[in-house]
Amino acid sequence: MWPLMLEWALREYAKTNPGEVIRYVKAKGITGPSPREALKNLPVS
């Protein structure tokens, strides 16, 4: 349940502050499906 909540929260926050979500994912070293889900709607740079 926890990973699903994290994915949802990061994906929602990325709509208003995508740079912070990218920084958070990199700083925490989050792996697996969570960062992929969190970043999937962000523009590719």
PDB file of N, CA and C in Angstrom:
ATOM      1  N   MET A   1       0.821  -1.200   0.000  1.00  0.00           N
ATOM      2  CA  MET A   1       0.000   0.000   0.000  1.00  0.00           C
ATOM      3  C   MET A   1       0.861   1.258   0.000  1.00  0.00           C
ATOM      4  N   TRP A   2       1.928   1.272   0.799  1.00  0.00           N
ATOM      5  CA  TRP A   2       2.784   2.457   0.901  1.00  0.00           C
ATOM      6  C   TRP A   2       3.347   2.896  -0.444  1.00  0.00           C
ATOM      7  N   PRO A   3       3.923   1.978  -1.261  1.00  0.00           N
ATOM      8  CA  PRO A   3       4.466   2.442  -2.546  1.00  0.00           C
ATOM      9  C   PRO A   3       3.405   3.080  -3.445  1.00  0.00           C
ATOM     10  N   LEU A   4       2.202   2.558  -3.414  1.00  0.00           N
ATOM     11  CA  LEU A   4       1.140   3.130  -4.247  1.00  0.00           C
ATOM     12  C   LEU A   4       0.798   4.550  -3.804  1.00  0.00           C
ATOM     13  N   MET A   5       0.808   4.783  -2.507  1.00  0.00           N
ATOM     14  CA  MET A   5       0.523   6.122  -1.994  1.00  0.00           C
ATOM     15  C   MET A   5       1.640   7.087  -2.382  1.00  0.00           C
ATOM     16  N   LEU A   6       2.878   6.617  -2.315  1.00  0.00           N
ATOM     17  CA  LEU A   6       4.019   7.450  -2.690  1.00  0.00           C
ATOM     18  C   LEU A   6       3.946   7.807  -4.175  1.00  0.00           C
ATOM     19  N   GLU A   7       3.674   6.820  -5.016  1.00  0.00           N
ATOM     20  CA  GLU A   7       3.549   7.077  -6.454  1.00  0.00           C
ATOM     21  C   GLU A   7       2.481   8.126  -6.724  1.00  0.00           C
ATOM     22  N   TRP A   8       1.333   7.961  -6.113  1.00  0.00           N
ATOM     23  CA  TRP A   8       0.233   8.892  -6.338  1.00  0.00           C
ATOM     24  C   TRP A   8       0.598  10.292  -5.876  1.00  0.00           C
ATOM     25  N   ALA A   9       1.177  10.393  -4.681  1.00  0.00           N
ATOM     26  CA  ALA A   9       1.531  11.702  -4.128  1.00  0.00           C
ATOM     27  C   ALA A   9       2.571  12.407  -4.991  1.00  0.00           C
ATOM     28  N   LEU A  10       3.599  11.692  -5.408  1.00  0.00           N
ATOM     29  CA  LEU A  10       4.631  12.305  -6.249  1.00  0.00           C
ATOM     30  C   LEU A  10       4.074  12.711  -7.609  1.00  0.00           C
ATOM     31  N   ARG A  11       3.235  11.863  -8.184  1.00  0.00           N
ATOM     32  CA  ARG A  11       2.642  12.180  -9.494  1.00  0.00           C
ATOM     33  C   ARG A  11       1.774  13.436  -9.404  1.00  0.00           C
ATOM     34  N   GLU A  12       0.994  13.556  -8.337  1.00  0.00           N
ATOM     35  CA  GLU A  12       0.156  14.738  -8.158  1.00  0.00           C
ATOM     36  C   GLU A  12       0.997  15.994  -7.911  1.00  0.00           C
ATOM     37  N   TYR A  13       2.025  15.885  -7.087  1.00  0.00           N
ATOM     38  CA  TYR A  13       2.875  17.035  -6.778  1.00  0.00           C
ATOM     39  C   TYR A  13       3.666  17.469  -8.012  1.00  0.00           C
ATOM     40  N   ALA A  14       3.995  16.524  -8.881  1.00  0.00           N
ATOM     41  CA  ALA A  14       4.736  16.846 -10.102  1.00  0.00           C
ATOM     42  C   ALA A  14       3.939  17.769 -11.023  1.00  0.00           C
ATOM     43  N   LYS A  15       2.642  17.791 -10.871  1.00  0.00           N
ATOM     44  CA  LYS A  15       1.816  18.683 -11.702  1.00  0.00           C
ATOM     45  C   LYS A  15       2.069  20.143 -11.360  1.00  0.00           C
ATOM     46  N   THR A  16       2.439  20.426 -10.115  1.00  0.00           N
ATOM     47  CA  THR A  16       2.666  21.806  -9.700  1.00  0.00           C
ATOM     48  C   THR A  16       4.139  22.142  -9.511  1.00  0.00           C
ATOM     49  N   ASN A  17       4.969  21.144  -9.221  1.00  0.00           N
ATOM     50  CA  ASN A  17       6.387  21.405  -8.969  1.00  0.00           C
ATOM     51  C   ASN A  17       7.234  20.237  -9.478  1.00  0.00           C
ATOM     52  N   PRO A  18       7.335  20.083 -10.796  1.00  0.00           N
ATOM     53  CA  PRO A  18       8.047  18.932 -11.351  1.00  0.00           C
ATOM     54  C   PRO A  18       9.525  18.888 -10.980  1.00  0.00           C
ATOM     55  N   GLY A  19      10.169  20.034 -10.889  1.00  0.00           N
ATOM     56  CA  GLY A  19      11.585  20.066 -10.545  1.00  0.00           C
ATOM     57  C   GLY A  19      11.861  19.502  -9.165  1.00  0.00           C
ATOM     58  N   GLU A  20      10.992  19.786  -8.235  1.00  0.00           N
ATOM     59  CA  GLU A  20      11.161  19.284  -6.872  1.00  0.00           C
ATOM     60  C   GLU A  20      10.957  17.778  -6.815  1.00  0.00           C
ATOM     61  N   VAL A  21      10.037  17.263  -7.591  1.00  0.00           N
ATOM     62  CA  VAL A  21       9.812  15.814  -7.618  1.00  0.00           C
ATOM     63  C   VAL A  21      11.034  15.107  -8.196  1.00  0.00           C
ATOM     64  N   ILE A  22      11.591  15.638  -9.253  1.00  0.00           N
ATOM     65  CA  ILE A  22      12.799  15.054  -9.835  1.00  0.00           C
ATOM     66  C   ILE A  22      13.935  15.090  -8.818  1.00  0.00           C
ATOM     67  N   ARG A  23      14.112  16.219  -8.140  1.00  0.00           N
ATOM     68  CA  ARG A  23      15.165  16.337  -7.133  1.00  0.00           C
ATOM     69  C   ARG A  23      14.956  15.331  -6.003  1.00  0.00           C
ATOM     70  N   TYR A  24      13.731  15.194  -5.534  1.00  0.00           N
ATOM     71  CA  TYR A  24      13.419  14.287  -4.430  1.00  0.00           C
ATOM     72  C   TYR A  24      13.717  12.834  -4.808  1.00  0.00           C
ATOM     73  N   VAL A  25      13.284  12.430  -5.996  1.00  0.00           N
ATOM     74  CA  VAL A  25      13.501  11.052  -6.439  1.00  0.00           C
ATOM     75  C   VAL A  25      14.996  10.753  -6.533  1.00  0.00           C
ATOM     76  N   LYS A  26      15.760  11.689  -7.081  1.00  0.00           N
ATOM     77  CA  LYS A  26      17.209  11.491  -7.197  1.00  0.00           C
ATOM     78  C   LYS A  26      17.886  11.508  -5.830  1.00  0.00           C
ATOM     79  N   ALA A  27      17.512  12.440  -4.965  1.00  0.00           N
ATOM     80  CA  ALA A  27      18.151  12.576  -3.650  1.00  0.00           C
ATOM     81  C   ALA A  27      17.883  11.369  -2.759  1.00  0.00           C
ATOM     82  N   LYS A  28      16.700  10.809  -2.837  1.00  0.00           N
ATOM     83  CA  LYS A  28      16.338   9.676  -1.986  1.00  0.00           C
ATOM     84  C   LYS A  28      16.768   8.341  -2.580  1.00  0.00           C
ATOM     85  N   GLY A  29      17.187   8.351  -3.844  1.00  0.00           N
ATOM     86  CA  GLY A  29      17.598   7.105  -4.478  1.00  0.00           C
ATOM     87  C   GLY A  29      16.458   6.112  -4.606  1.00  0.00           C
ATOM     88  N   ILE A  30      15.270   6.614  -4.832  1.00  0.00           N
ATOM     89  CA  ILE A  30      14.095   5.751  -4.935  1.00  0.00           C
ATOM     90  C   ILE A  30      14.210   4.918  -6.212  1.00  0.00           C
ATOM     91  N   THR A  31      13.982   3.615  -6.079  1.00  0.00           N
ATOM     92  CA  THR A  31      14.081   2.714  -7.221  1.00  0.00           C
ATOM     93  C   THR A  31      12.774   1.948  -7.399  1.00  0.00           C
ATOM     94  N   GLY A  32      12.710   1.201  -8.458  1.00  0.00           N
ATOM     95  CA  GLY A  32      11.535   0.394  -8.735  1.00  0.00           C
ATOM     96  C   GLY A  32      10.478   1.180  -9.483  1.00  0.00           C
ATOM     97  N   PRO A  33       9.243   0.760  -9.363  1.00  0.00           N
ATOM     98  CA  PRO A  33       8.173   1.410 -10.122  1.00  0.00           C
ATOM     99  C   PRO A  33       7.795   2.797  -9.608  1.00  0.00           C
ATOM    100  N   SER A  34       8.101   3.119  -8.360  1.00  0.00           N
ATOM    101  CA  SER A  34       7.684   4.404  -7.798  1.00  0.00           C
ATOM    102  C   SER A  34       8.206   5.607  -8.573  1.00  0.00           C
ATOM    103  N   PRO A  35       9.518   5.713  -8.849  1.00  0.00           N
ATOM    104  CA  PRO A  35       9.963   6.886  -9.597  1.00  0.00           C
ATOM    105  C   PRO A  35       9.448   6.892 -11.031  1.00  0.00           C
ATOM    106  N   ARG A  36       9.333   5.728 -11.623  1.00  0.00           N
ATOM    107  CA  ARG A  36       8.808   5.656 -12.992  1.00  0.00           C
ATOM    108  C   ARG A  36       7.385   6.199 -13.027  1.00  0.00           C
ATOM    109  N   GLU A  37       6.573   5.804 -12.069  1.00  0.00           N
ATOM    110  CA  GLU A  37       5.198   6.296 -12.000  1.00  0.00           C
ATOM    111  C   GLU A  37       5.148   7.786 -11.662  1.00  0.00           C
ATOM    112  N   ALA A  38       6.006   8.205 -10.762  1.00  0.00           N
ATOM    113  CA  ALA A  38       6.008   9.609 -10.336  1.00  0.00           C
ATOM    114  C   ALA A  38       6.397  10.536 -11.472  1.00  0.00           C
ATOM    115  N   LEU A  39       7.296  10.077 -12.336  1.00  0.00           N
ATOM    116  CA  LEU A  39       7.837  10.935 -13.386  1.00  0.00           C
ATOM    117  C   LEU A  39       7.209  10.700 -14.763  1.00  0.00           C
ATOM    118  N   LYS A  40       6.282   9.794 -14.868  1.00  0.00           N
ATOM    119  CA  LYS A  40       5.805   9.390 -16.193  1.00  0.00           C
ATOM    120  C   LYS A  40       5.064  10.494 -16.938  1.00  0.00           C
ATOM    121  N   ASN A  41       4.465  11.448 -16.273  1.00  0.00           N
ATOM    122  CA  ASN A  41       3.724  12.509 -16.957  1.00  0.00           C
ATOM    123  C   ASN A  41       4.528  13.784 -17.158  1.00  0.00           C
ATOM    124  N   LEU A  42       5.811  13.756 -16.777  1.00  0.00           N
ATOM    125  CA  LEU A  42       6.652  14.928 -16.942  1.00  0.00           C
ATOM    126  C   LEU A  42       7.232  14.967 -18.347  1.00  0.00           C
ATOM    127  N   PRO A  43       7.451  16.162 -18.872  1.00  0.00           N
ATOM    128  CA  PRO A  43       8.080  16.254 -20.191  1.00  0.00           C
ATOM    129  C   PRO A  43       9.510  15.722 -20.133  1.00  0.00           C
ATOM    130  N   VAL A  44       9.921  15.070 -21.179  1.00  0.00           N
ATOM    131  CA  VAL A  44      11.288  14.531 -21.261  1.00  0.00           C
ATOM    132  C   VAL A  44      12.237  15.672 -21.566  1.00  0.00           C
ATOM    133  N   SER A  45      13.326  15.723 -20.785  1.00  0.00           N
ATOM    134  CA  SER A  45      14.317  16.784 -21.032  1.00  0.00           C
ATOM    135  C   SER A  45      15.680  16.187 -21.249  1.00  0.00           C
TER     136      SER A  45
END
